[in-house]
Amino acid sequence: MCLLAGAVRAESVCLSRLDLNFTALLRKANRLSAPNDFQQVFLRGKTLRNGPITMKFAKRELGEGRFSFVTPTALSKHAVVRNKVRRRLRAIVRSLMSIPYPPFDVVLFAYKGAEDLSFADLEAVVCELLQRAHIHFYKKTLL
């Protein structure tokens, strides 16, 4: 479980595997897919790395946060392995989508070693990267 700090009392929102809603894709509004959008992230964005996951991100002015997942053949020559890592990353991000979040474009790259991480370890890596990038997801709770 990841813990995201903030001024408002917040619960951890990185959920266990059992709590996830396994739909096939992110909503279209939450997908980063246009070549120009990728170019903007690479030109004006910042990069963070934690273990086998690298995150490039750039702040947006308006709209919802958008995500993309890159699993190159450097991760594995087998598409089954790359797809498994991509599905896990997508599930982790999807678990955060029900909560209001800041408008960022985020590209997550998985490299060698990501296929060996358990779901919980991969979730902790992604949550730590989001926290370092100051992209906070909160569930407001009543005091």
C-alpha atoms as a PDB file:
ATOM      1  CA  MET A   1       0.000   0.000   0.000  1.00  0.00           C
ATOM      2  CA  CYS A   2       1.275   3.449  -0.772  1.00  0.00           C
ATOM      3  CA  LEU A   3       0.746   6.426   1.463  1.00  0.00           C
ATOM      4  CA  LEU A   4       0.379   9.822  -0.165  1.00  0.00           C
ATOM      5  CA  ALA A   5       0.946  12.804   2.096  1.00  0.00           C
ATOM      6  CA  GLY A   6      -1.098  15.969   1.954  1.00  0.00           C
ATOM      7  CA  ALA A   7      -2.639  18.813   3.895  1.00  0.00           C
ATOM      8  CA  VAL A   8      -6.032  17.102   3.901  1.00  0.00           C
ATOM      9  CA  ARG A   9      -6.419  13.900   5.859  1.00  0.00           C
ATOM     10  CA  ALA A  10      -6.180  11.251   3.166  1.00  0.00           C
ATOM     11  CA  GLU A  11      -6.438   7.498   2.863  1.00  0.00           C
ATOM     12  CA  SER A  12      -4.151   5.419   0.760  1.00  0.00           C
ATOM     13  CA  VAL A  13      -5.768   4.904  -2.606  1.00  0.00           C
ATOM     14  CA  CYS A  14      -3.408   2.398  -4.175  1.00  0.00           C
ATOM     15  CA  LEU A  15      -5.613  -0.630  -3.874  1.00  0.00           C
ATOM     16  CA  SER A  16      -4.855  -4.303  -3.594  1.00  0.00           C
ATOM     17  CA  ARG A  17      -5.436  -6.628  -6.510  1.00  0.00           C
ATOM     18  CA  LEU A  18      -8.820  -7.705  -5.131  1.00  0.00           C
ATOM     19  CA  ASP A  19     -10.194  -4.155  -5.027  1.00  0.00           C
ATOM     20  CA  LEU A  20      -9.514  -3.329  -8.672  1.00  0.00           C
ATOM     21  CA  ASN A  21     -12.152  -2.916 -11.332  1.00  0.00           C
ATOM     22  CA  PHE A  22     -10.817  -4.979 -14.233  1.00  0.00           C
ATOM     23  CA  THR A  23     -12.197  -3.271 -17.303  1.00  0.00           C
ATOM     24  CA  ALA A  24     -10.276  -3.669 -20.517  1.00  0.00           C
ATOM     25  CA  LEU A  25      -9.095  -0.107 -21.093  1.00  0.00           C
ATOM     26  CA  LEU A  26      -8.790   3.311 -19.572  1.00  0.00           C
ATOM     27  CA  ARG A  27     -11.475   5.744 -20.634  1.00  0.00           C
ATOM     28  CA  LYS A  28     -10.610   7.481 -23.884  1.00  0.00           C
ATOM     29  CA  ALA A  29     -10.330  10.825 -22.067  1.00  0.00           C
ATOM     30  CA  ASN A  30      -7.604   9.316 -19.864  1.00  0.00           C
ATOM     31  CA  ARG A  31      -5.477   7.887 -22.679  1.00  0.00           C
ATOM     32  CA  LEU A  32      -2.475   9.692 -24.050  1.00  0.00           C
ATOM     33  CA  SER A  33      -2.282   8.597 -27.684  1.00  0.00           C
ATOM     34  CA  ALA A  34      -1.767  11.495 -30.113  1.00  0.00           C
ATOM     35  CA  PRO A  35       1.811  11.876 -31.424  1.00  0.00           C
ATOM     36  CA  ASN A  36       1.771  15.625 -30.700  1.00  0.00           C
ATOM     37  CA  ASP A  37       0.831  14.963 -27.073  1.00  0.00           C
ATOM     38  CA  PHE A  38       3.733  12.527 -26.684  1.00  0.00           C
ATOM     39  CA  GLN A  39       6.049  15.087 -28.233  1.00  0.00           C
ATOM     40  CA  GLN A  40       4.929  17.708 -25.706  1.00  0.00           C
ATOM     41  CA  VAL A  41       5.596  15.340 -22.800  1.00  0.00           C
ATOM     42  CA  PHE A  42       9.079  14.556 -24.110  1.00  0.00           C
ATOM     43  CA  LEU A  43       9.942  18.194 -24.880  1.00  0.00           C
ATOM     44  CA  ARG A  44       8.651  19.982 -21.781  1.00  0.00           C
ATOM     45  CA  GLY A  45       8.229  17.146 -19.307  1.00  0.00           C
ATOM     46  CA  LYS A  46      10.380  15.821 -16.490  1.00  0.00           C
ATOM     47  CA  THR A  47      11.689  12.307 -15.932  1.00  0.00           C
ATOM     48  CA  LEU A  48      11.800  10.196 -12.771  1.00  0.00           C
ATOM     49  CA  ARG A  49      13.004   6.634 -12.336  1.00  0.00           C
ATOM     50  CA  ASN A  50      12.420   4.081  -9.615  1.00  0.00           C
ATOM     51  CA  GLY A  51      13.845   0.627 -10.245  1.00  0.00           C
ATOM     52  CA  PRO A  52      12.586  -0.792 -13.543  1.00  0.00           C
ATOM     53  CA  ILE A  53       9.937   1.913 -14.078  1.00  0.00           C
ATOM     54  CA  THR A  54      10.625   5.305 -15.637  1.00  0.00           C
ATOM     55  CA  MET A  55       8.006   8.044 -15.657  1.00  0.00           C
ATOM     56  CA  LYS A  56       7.909  11.066 -17.940  1.00  0.00           C
ATOM     57  CA  PHE A  57       5.290  13.637 -17.001  1.00  0.00           C
ATOM     58  CA  ALA A  58       4.161  17.136 -17.929  1.00  0.00           C
ATOM     59  CA  LYS A  59       1.512  19.361 -16.365  1.00  0.00           C
ATOM     60  CA  ARG A  60      -1.557  20.251 -18.433  1.00  0.00           C
ATOM     61  CA  GLU A  61      -3.544  23.451 -18.174  1.00  0.00           C
ATOM     62  CA  LEU A  62      -7.038  21.954 -18.424  1.00  0.00           C
ATOM     63  CA  GLY A  63      -8.774  18.633 -18.641  1.00  0.00           C
ATOM     64  CA  GLU A  64      -8.189  15.285 -17.039  1.00  0.00           C
ATOM     65  CA  GLY A  65      -4.951  13.436 -16.437  1.00  0.00           C
ATOM     66  CA  ARG A  66      -3.871  11.172 -19.280  1.00  0.00           C
ATOM     67  CA  PHE A  67      -1.641   8.111 -19.150  1.00  0.00           C
ATOM     68  CA  SER A  68       0.258   5.918 -21.557  1.00  0.00           C
ATOM     69  CA  PHE A  69       2.251   2.736 -20.981  1.00  0.00           C
ATOM     70  CA  VAL A  70       5.373   1.731 -22.914  1.00  0.00           C
ATOM     71  CA  THR A  71       6.783  -1.788 -22.670  1.00  0.00           C
ATOM     72  CA  PRO A  72       9.668  -2.059 -25.154  1.00  0.00           C
ATOM     73  CA  THR A  73      11.211  -5.292 -26.381  1.00  0.00           C
ATOM     74  CA  ALA A  74      14.102  -4.515 -24.021  1.00  0.00           C
ATOM     75  CA  LEU A  75      11.715  -5.628 -21.268  1.00  0.00           C
ATOM     76  CA  SER A  76      11.169  -9.008 -22.907  1.00  0.00           C
ATOM     77  CA  LYS A  77      11.159 -10.478 -26.368  1.00  0.00           C
ATOM     78  CA  HIS A  78       7.902 -12.232 -25.517  1.00  0.00           C
ATOM     79  CA  ALA A  79       4.721 -10.247 -26.118  1.00  0.00           C
ATOM     80  CA  VAL A  80       2.942 -12.202 -23.370  1.00  0.00           C
ATOM     81  CA  VAL A  81       5.343 -10.819 -20.760  1.00  0.00           C
ATOM     82  CA  ARG A  82       5.155  -7.259 -22.092  1.00  0.00           C
ATOM     83  CA  ASN A  83       1.351  -7.397 -22.165  1.00  0.00           C
ATOM     84  CA  LYS A  84       1.215  -8.718 -18.593  1.00  0.00           C
ATOM     85  CA  VAL A  85       3.313  -5.787 -17.322  1.00  0.00           C
ATOM     86  CA  ARG A  86       1.225  -3.323 -19.361  1.00  0.00           C
ATOM     87  CA  ARG A  87      -2.018  -4.779 -17.939  1.00  0.00           C
ATOM     88  CA  ARG A  88      -0.676  -4.487 -14.393  1.00  0.00           C
ATOM     89  CA  LEU A  89       0.383  -0.865 -14.895  1.00  0.00           C
ATOM     90  CA  ARG A  90      -3.005  -0.073 -16.418  1.00  0.00           C
ATOM     91  CA  ALA A  91      -4.802  -1.710 -13.469  1.00  0.00           C
ATOM     92  CA  ILE A  92      -2.763   0.304 -10.974  1.00  0.00           C
ATOM     93  CA  VAL A  93      -3.547   3.584 -12.722  1.00  0.00           C
ATOM     94  CA  ARG A  94      -7.187   2.608 -13.237  1.00  0.00           C
ATOM     95  CA  SER A  95      -7.531   2.062  -9.488  1.00  0.00           C
ATOM     96  CA  LEU A  96      -6.661   5.732  -9.024  1.00  0.00           C
ATOM     97  CA  MET A  97      -9.033   7.033 -11.698  1.00  0.00           C
ATOM     98  CA  SER A  98     -12.131   7.176  -9.479  1.00  0.00           C
ATOM     99  CA  ILE A  99     -10.541   9.944  -7.454  1.00  0.00           C
ATOM    100  CA  PRO A 100     -10.102  13.566  -8.654  1.00  0.00           C
ATOM    101  CA  TYR A 101      -6.527  14.123  -9.716  1.00  0.00           C
ATOM    102  CA  PRO A 102      -4.513  16.963 -11.219  1.00  0.00           C
ATOM    103  CA  PRO A 103      -4.262  17.369 -14.999  1.00  0.00           C
ATOM    104  CA  PHE A 104      -0.978  15.713 -15.959  1.00  0.00           C
ATOM    105  CA  ASP A 105       0.188  13.769 -18.985  1.00  0.00           C
ATOM    106  CA  VAL A 106       2.130  10.729 -17.777  1.00  0.00           C
ATOM    107  CA  VAL A 107       4.067   8.115 -19.756  1.00  0.00           C
ATOM    108  CA  LEU A 108       5.201   5.039 -17.800  1.00  0.00           C
ATOM    109  CA  PHE A 109       8.071   2.980 -19.261  1.00  0.00           C
ATOM    110  CA  ALA A 110       8.724  -0.541 -17.975  1.00  0.00           C
ATOM    111  CA  TYR A 111      12.221  -1.994 -18.339  1.00  0.00           C
ATOM    112  CA  LYS A 112      14.026  -5.214 -17.468  1.00  0.00           C
ATOM    113  CA  GLY A 113      13.073  -6.370 -13.994  1.00  0.00           C
ATOM    114  CA  ALA A 114       9.470  -5.109 -14.066  1.00  0.00           C
ATOM    115  CA  GLU A 115       8.224  -8.547 -15.125  1.00  0.00           C
ATOM    116  CA  ASP A 116       9.689 -10.086 -11.950  1.00  0.00           C
ATOM    117  CA  LEU A 117       7.933  -7.681  -9.553  1.00  0.00           C
ATOM    118  CA  SER A 118       4.750  -8.769  -7.822  1.00  0.00           C
ATOM    119  CA  PHE A 119       1.625  -6.687  -8.317  1.00  0.00           C
ATOM    120  CA  ALA A 120       2.029  -5.084  -4.877  1.00  0.00           C
ATOM    121  CA  ASP A 121       5.696  -4.225  -5.515  1.00  0.00           C
ATOM    122  CA  LEU A 122       4.887  -2.722  -8.919  1.00  0.00           C
ATOM    123  CA  GLU A 123       2.076  -0.731  -7.324  1.00  0.00           C
ATOM    124  CA  ALA A 124       4.467   0.603  -4.661  1.00  0.00           C
ATOM    125  CA  VAL A 125       6.981   1.648  -7.336  1.00  0.00           C
ATOM    126  CA  VAL A 126       4.344   3.521  -9.361  1.00  0.00           C
ATOM    127  CA  CYS A 127       2.858   5.206  -6.278  1.00  0.00           C
ATOM    128  CA  GLU A 128       6.319   6.310  -5.140  1.00  0.00           C
ATOM    129  CA  LEU A 129       6.987   7.849  -8.575  1.00  0.00           C
ATOM    130  CA  LEU A 130       3.660   9.705  -8.508  1.00  0.00           C
ATOM    131  CA  GLN A 131       4.419  10.980  -5.031  1.00  0.00           C
ATOM    132  CA  ARG A 132       7.887  12.200  -6.057  1.00  0.00           C
ATOM    133  CA  ALA A 133       6.293  13.992  -9.022  1.00  0.00           C
ATOM    134  CA  HIS A 134       3.801  15.681  -6.643  1.00  0.00           C
ATOM    135  CA  ILE A 135       0.898  14.072  -8.477  1.00  0.00           C
ATOM    136  CA  HIS A 136      -1.295  13.327  -5.473  1.00  0.00           C
ATOM    137  CA  PHE A 137      -4.492  11.309  -5.501  1.00  0.00           C
ATOM    138  CA  TYR A 138      -6.702  11.736  -2.464  1.00  0.00           C
ATOM    139  CA  LYS A 139      -9.812  10.262  -0.963  1.00  0.00           C
ATOM    140  CA  LYS A 140     -11.165  12.889   1.374  1.00  0.00           C
ATOM    141  CA  THR A 141     -12.394  11.415   4.627  1.00  0.00           C
ATOM    142  CA  LEU A 142     -14.642  12.851   7.266  1.00  0.00           C
ATOM    143  CA  LEU A 143     -12.850  13.656  10.503  1.00  0.00           C
END
